[in-house]
Amino acid sequence: TLFRSLIIRPTTPLPVVVKTSPLERSTKVNYFDPISFTFNQDVDPNLLKLSSIPEENWQLKPLNTKNVSFSSAQYLQVNTGYNLTLTYNNQPIHR
C-alpha cells in the first residue's frame, strides 16, 4: 500500500521594511556608516541578501530579530548613487 500525505501550510507573509537608515534617497551620507533595516516582524538573517548597482560586497550583521545592518566590505565610492535591492528568501522586499 502506498500512502502519501500532503501538508498544506499557510504562507508566511514576507517581512516589510518599516524603517531604514539612512533614509531613502538620502544625500551626503557618510560612506563609513552601515545601512540598517527595521522590519515589521522577526526575520531569519540567513534569508536576507542586499545587492546594489554599482555592485558591492555587502556584509550582514544581525542586530536583533527585527533589525539588521549591512556594511560594504570596501569603502563606498564618493559622489556615487547606489540602487539597493533587499531580498528575503530570494524575493525582493525593498528597493
N, C-alpha and C. Protein backbone atom coordinates (compact mmCIF):
# COMPACT_ATOMS: atom_id res chain seq x y z
N THR A 1 0.85 -1.17 0.00
CA THR A 1 0.00 0.00 0.00
C THR A 1 0.89 1.23 0.00
N LEU A 2 0.58 2.12 -0.88
CA LEU A 2 1.33 3.37 -0.97
C LEU A 2 0.47 4.48 -0.39
N PHE A 3 1.01 5.17 0.55
CA PHE A 3 0.27 6.25 1.20
C PHE A 3 1.11 7.52 1.13
N ARG A 4 0.53 8.55 0.64
CA ARG A 4 1.21 9.85 0.59
C ARG A 4 0.38 10.85 1.36
N SER A 5 1.07 11.70 2.03
CA SER A 5 0.36 12.77 2.73
C SER A 5 0.88 14.11 2.24
N LEU A 6 0.00 15.03 2.23
CA LEU A 6 0.34 16.38 1.81
C LEU A 6 -0.11 17.32 2.92
N ILE A 7 0.84 18.07 3.40
CA ILE A 7 0.53 19.05 4.44
C ILE A 7 0.59 20.43 3.81
N ILE A 8 -0.50 21.13 3.88
CA ILE A 8 -0.54 22.48 3.33
C ILE A 8 -0.42 23.46 4.50
N ARG A 9 0.62 24.24 4.44
CA ARG A 9 0.84 25.24 5.49
C ARG A 9 0.49 26.61 4.94
N PRO A 10 -0.06 27.45 5.78
CA PRO A 10 -0.33 28.81 5.30
C PRO A 10 0.98 29.50 4.96
N THR A 11 0.95 30.31 3.93
CA THR A 11 2.17 31.02 3.56
C THR A 11 2.51 32.06 4.62
N THR A 12 3.75 32.16 4.88
CA THR A 12 4.22 33.17 5.83
C THR A 12 4.39 34.47 5.06
N PRO A 13 3.77 35.54 5.54
CA PRO A 13 3.93 36.80 4.81
C PRO A 13 5.39 37.26 4.84
N LEU A 14 5.79 37.87 3.77
CA LEU A 14 7.14 38.42 3.71
C LEU A 14 7.27 39.57 4.70
N PRO A 15 8.45 39.75 5.26
CA PRO A 15 8.64 40.90 6.14
C PRO A 15 8.55 42.19 5.35
N VAL A 16 8.14 43.24 6.04
CA VAL A 16 8.01 44.56 5.44
C VAL A 16 9.02 45.48 6.12
N VAL A 17 9.77 46.22 5.32
CA VAL A 17 10.71 47.20 5.87
C VAL A 17 9.90 48.39 6.36
N VAL A 18 10.05 48.71 7.65
CA VAL A 18 9.31 49.84 8.21
C VAL A 18 10.21 51.05 8.49
N LYS A 19 11.53 50.83 8.44
CA LYS A 19 12.46 51.94 8.69
C LYS A 19 13.81 51.59 8.08
N THR A 20 14.46 52.60 7.52
CA THR A 20 15.82 52.44 7.02
C THR A 20 16.69 53.55 7.57
N SER A 21 17.97 53.26 7.64
CA SER A 21 18.95 54.28 7.99
C SER A 21 20.17 54.03 7.13
N PRO A 22 20.58 55.00 6.35
CA PRO A 22 19.98 56.32 6.18
C PRO A 22 18.61 56.21 5.49
N LEU A 23 17.88 57.31 5.55
CA LEU A 23 16.57 57.35 4.90
C LEU A 23 16.72 57.20 3.40
N GLU A 24 15.68 56.70 2.76
CA GLU A 24 15.71 56.56 1.31
C GLU A 24 16.01 57.90 0.64
N ARG A 25 16.76 57.84 -0.44
CA ARG A 25 17.13 58.99 -1.26
C ARG A 25 17.96 60.03 -0.50
N SER A 26 18.63 59.58 0.55
CA SER A 26 19.49 60.49 1.31
C SER A 26 20.71 60.87 0.47
N THR A 27 21.18 62.07 0.70
CA THR A 27 22.41 62.52 0.05
C THR A 27 23.40 62.90 1.15
N LYS A 28 24.64 63.05 0.76
CA LYS A 28 25.72 63.41 1.69
C LYS A 28 25.79 62.43 2.86
N VAL A 29 25.66 61.14 2.53
CA VAL A 29 25.71 60.07 3.53
C VAL A 29 27.16 59.71 3.80
N ASN A 30 27.48 59.49 5.06
CA ASN A 30 28.82 59.05 5.42
C ASN A 30 29.05 57.65 4.87
N TYR A 31 30.04 57.49 4.00
CA TYR A 31 30.24 56.20 3.36
C TYR A 31 30.89 55.17 4.29
N PHE A 32 31.17 55.53 5.53
CA PHE A 32 31.64 54.56 6.52
C PHE A 32 30.48 53.94 7.29
N ASP A 33 29.32 54.60 7.32
CA ASP A 33 28.18 54.13 8.11
C ASP A 33 27.50 52.94 7.44
N PRO A 34 27.05 51.98 8.25
CA PRO A 34 26.30 50.86 7.67
C PRO A 34 24.90 51.30 7.26
N ILE A 35 24.25 50.46 6.49
CA ILE A 35 22.85 50.65 6.10
C ILE A 35 22.04 49.71 6.98
N SER A 36 21.02 50.24 7.64
CA SER A 36 20.23 49.38 8.53
C SER A 36 18.78 49.34 8.10
N PHE A 37 18.15 48.21 8.38
CA PHE A 37 16.74 47.96 8.05
C PHE A 37 16.02 47.47 9.30
N THR A 38 14.82 47.98 9.52
CA THR A 38 13.95 47.52 10.60
C THR A 38 12.71 46.92 9.94
N PHE A 39 12.28 45.76 10.43
CA PHE A 39 11.17 45.02 9.84
C PHE A 39 9.96 45.00 10.77
N ASN A 40 8.81 44.69 10.19
CA ASN A 40 7.57 44.61 10.95
C ASN A 40 7.41 43.28 11.69
N GLN A 41 8.30 42.34 11.44
CA GLN A 41 8.24 41.02 12.08
C GLN A 41 9.64 40.46 12.20
N ASP A 42 9.76 39.40 12.98
CA ASP A 42 11.05 38.73 13.11
C ASP A 42 11.49 38.19 11.76
N VAL A 43 12.78 38.25 11.49
CA VAL A 43 13.33 37.74 10.23
C VAL A 43 14.45 36.75 10.52
N ASP A 44 14.65 35.87 9.59
CA ASP A 44 15.79 34.96 9.63
C ASP A 44 16.91 35.63 8.83
N PRO A 45 17.96 36.09 9.48
CA PRO A 45 19.01 36.82 8.75
C PRO A 45 19.67 36.00 7.65
N ASN A 46 19.61 34.68 7.75
CA ASN A 46 20.20 33.83 6.72
C ASN A 46 19.45 33.91 5.40
N LEU A 47 18.23 34.45 5.43
CA LEU A 47 17.42 34.55 4.22
C LEU A 47 17.48 35.95 3.58
N LEU A 48 18.23 36.85 4.20
CA LEU A 48 18.36 38.22 3.70
C LEU A 48 19.59 38.36 2.81
N LYS A 49 19.43 39.15 1.76
CA LYS A 49 20.56 39.47 0.89
C LYS A 49 20.38 40.88 0.36
N LEU A 50 21.44 41.65 0.37
CA LEU A 50 21.43 43.01 -0.18
C LEU A 50 22.30 43.02 -1.43
N SER A 51 21.75 43.54 -2.51
CA SER A 51 22.52 43.70 -3.74
C SER A 51 22.43 45.16 -4.16
N SER A 52 23.38 45.60 -4.96
CA SER A 52 23.40 47.01 -5.34
C SER A 52 23.97 47.20 -6.74
N ILE A 53 23.60 48.33 -7.30
CA ILE A 53 24.20 48.83 -8.53
C ILE A 53 24.70 50.23 -8.21
N PRO A 54 25.99 50.52 -8.31
CA PRO A 54 27.07 49.61 -8.67
C PRO A 54 27.23 48.52 -7.61
N GLU A 55 27.78 47.41 -8.06
CA GLU A 55 27.91 46.22 -7.22
C GLU A 55 28.91 46.44 -6.09
N GLU A 56 28.54 45.98 -4.92
CA GLU A 56 29.41 46.00 -3.74
C GLU A 56 29.31 44.65 -3.05
N ASN A 57 30.25 44.37 -2.20
CA ASN A 57 30.22 43.16 -1.39
C ASN A 57 29.67 43.55 -0.01
N TRP A 58 28.38 43.25 0.24
CA TRP A 58 27.72 43.66 1.47
C TRP A 58 27.83 42.58 2.53
N GLN A 59 28.17 43.00 3.74
CA GLN A 59 28.30 42.07 4.86
C GLN A 59 27.17 42.34 5.86
N LEU A 60 26.43 41.29 6.17
CA LEU A 60 25.27 41.36 7.04
C LEU A 60 25.67 41.25 8.50
N LYS A 61 25.03 42.09 9.32
CA LYS A 61 25.21 42.00 10.77
C LYS A 61 23.82 42.06 11.41
N PRO A 62 23.31 40.93 11.92
CA PRO A 62 22.03 40.97 12.63
C PRO A 62 22.18 41.77 13.92
N LEU A 63 21.25 42.66 14.17
CA LEU A 63 21.28 43.47 15.40
C LEU A 63 20.34 42.89 16.46
N ASN A 64 19.19 42.42 16.02
CA ASN A 64 18.24 41.67 16.84
C ASN A 64 17.28 40.99 15.86
N THR A 65 16.16 40.46 16.33
CA THR A 65 15.29 39.68 15.44
C THR A 65 14.55 40.52 14.40
N LYS A 66 14.49 41.83 14.60
CA LYS A 66 13.79 42.71 13.66
C LYS A 66 14.68 43.76 13.02
N ASN A 67 15.97 43.75 13.32
CA ASN A 67 16.88 44.78 12.81
C ASN A 67 18.18 44.16 12.32
N VAL A 68 18.60 44.61 11.15
CA VAL A 68 19.88 44.16 10.60
C VAL A 68 20.61 45.36 10.02
N SER A 69 21.89 45.22 9.87
CA SER A 69 22.66 46.25 9.16
C SER A 69 23.57 45.57 8.16
N PHE A 70 23.90 46.33 7.13
CA PHE A 70 24.82 45.87 6.10
C PHE A 70 25.93 46.90 5.97
N SER A 71 27.14 46.40 5.88
CA SER A 71 28.30 47.26 5.64
C SER A 71 28.99 46.78 4.38
N SER A 72 29.54 47.72 3.65
CA SER A 72 30.30 47.36 2.46
C SER A 72 31.66 46.83 2.90
N ALA A 73 32.10 45.76 2.25
CA ALA A 73 33.41 45.19 2.57
C ALA A 73 34.53 46.16 2.20
N GLN A 74 34.24 47.07 1.27
CA GLN A 74 35.18 48.11 0.89
C GLN A 74 34.49 49.45 1.12
N TYR A 75 35.25 50.51 1.04
CA TYR A 75 34.63 51.83 1.17
C TYR A 75 33.73 52.10 -0.02
N LEU A 76 32.60 52.71 0.24
CA LEU A 76 31.71 53.09 -0.85
C LEU A 76 32.35 54.20 -1.67
N GLN A 77 31.95 54.28 -2.91
CA GLN A 77 32.51 55.28 -3.81
C GLN A 77 31.92 56.66 -3.51
N VAL A 78 32.78 57.65 -3.45
CA VAL A 78 32.35 59.02 -3.18
C VAL A 78 31.57 59.55 -4.37
N ASN A 79 30.55 60.39 -4.10
CA ASN A 79 29.71 61.02 -5.13
C ASN A 79 29.08 60.00 -6.07
N THR A 80 28.62 58.88 -5.50
CA THR A 80 28.02 57.82 -6.29
C THR A 80 26.67 57.44 -5.69
N GLY A 81 25.64 57.37 -6.53
CA GLY A 81 24.34 56.89 -6.09
C GLY A 81 24.30 55.37 -6.17
N TYR A 82 23.70 54.75 -5.20
CA TYR A 82 23.57 53.29 -5.17
C TYR A 82 22.10 52.90 -5.23
N ASN A 83 21.76 51.99 -6.13
CA ASN A 83 20.42 51.41 -6.17
C ASN A 83 20.48 50.07 -5.45
N LEU A 84 19.75 49.98 -4.34
CA LEU A 84 19.80 48.79 -3.50
C LEU A 84 18.55 47.94 -3.66
N THR A 85 18.72 46.63 -3.60
CA THR A 85 17.60 45.69 -3.57
C THR A 85 17.83 44.73 -2.42
N LEU A 86 16.87 44.68 -1.52
CA LEU A 86 16.92 43.76 -0.39
C LEU A 86 15.97 42.60 -0.69
N THR A 87 16.48 41.38 -0.59
CA THR A 87 15.64 40.21 -0.82
C THR A 87 15.55 39.37 0.44
N TYR A 88 14.42 38.68 0.56
CA TYR A 88 14.20 37.74 1.66
C TYR A 88 13.75 36.43 1.03
N ASN A 89 14.55 35.40 1.24
CA ASN A 89 14.28 34.10 0.64
C ASN A 89 14.15 34.24 -0.89
N ASN A 90 15.04 35.05 -1.45
CA ASN A 90 15.14 35.31 -2.90
C ASN A 90 13.97 36.09 -3.49
N GLN A 91 13.17 36.73 -2.65
CA GLN A 91 12.06 37.54 -3.13
C GLN A 91 12.32 39.00 -2.74
N PRO A 92 12.25 39.92 -3.69
CA PRO A 92 12.50 41.33 -3.36
C PRO A 92 11.48 41.85 -2.34
N ILE A 93 12.00 42.53 -1.31
CA ILE A 93 11.11 43.12 -0.31
C ILE A 93 11.34 44.61 -0.16
N HIS A 94 12.44 45.12 -0.73
CA HIS A 94 12.70 46.55 -0.63
C HIS A 94 13.66 46.98 -1.73
N ARG A 95 13.30 48.07 -2.42
CA ARG A 95 14.17 48.62 -3.48
C ARG A 95 14.39 50.08 -3.23
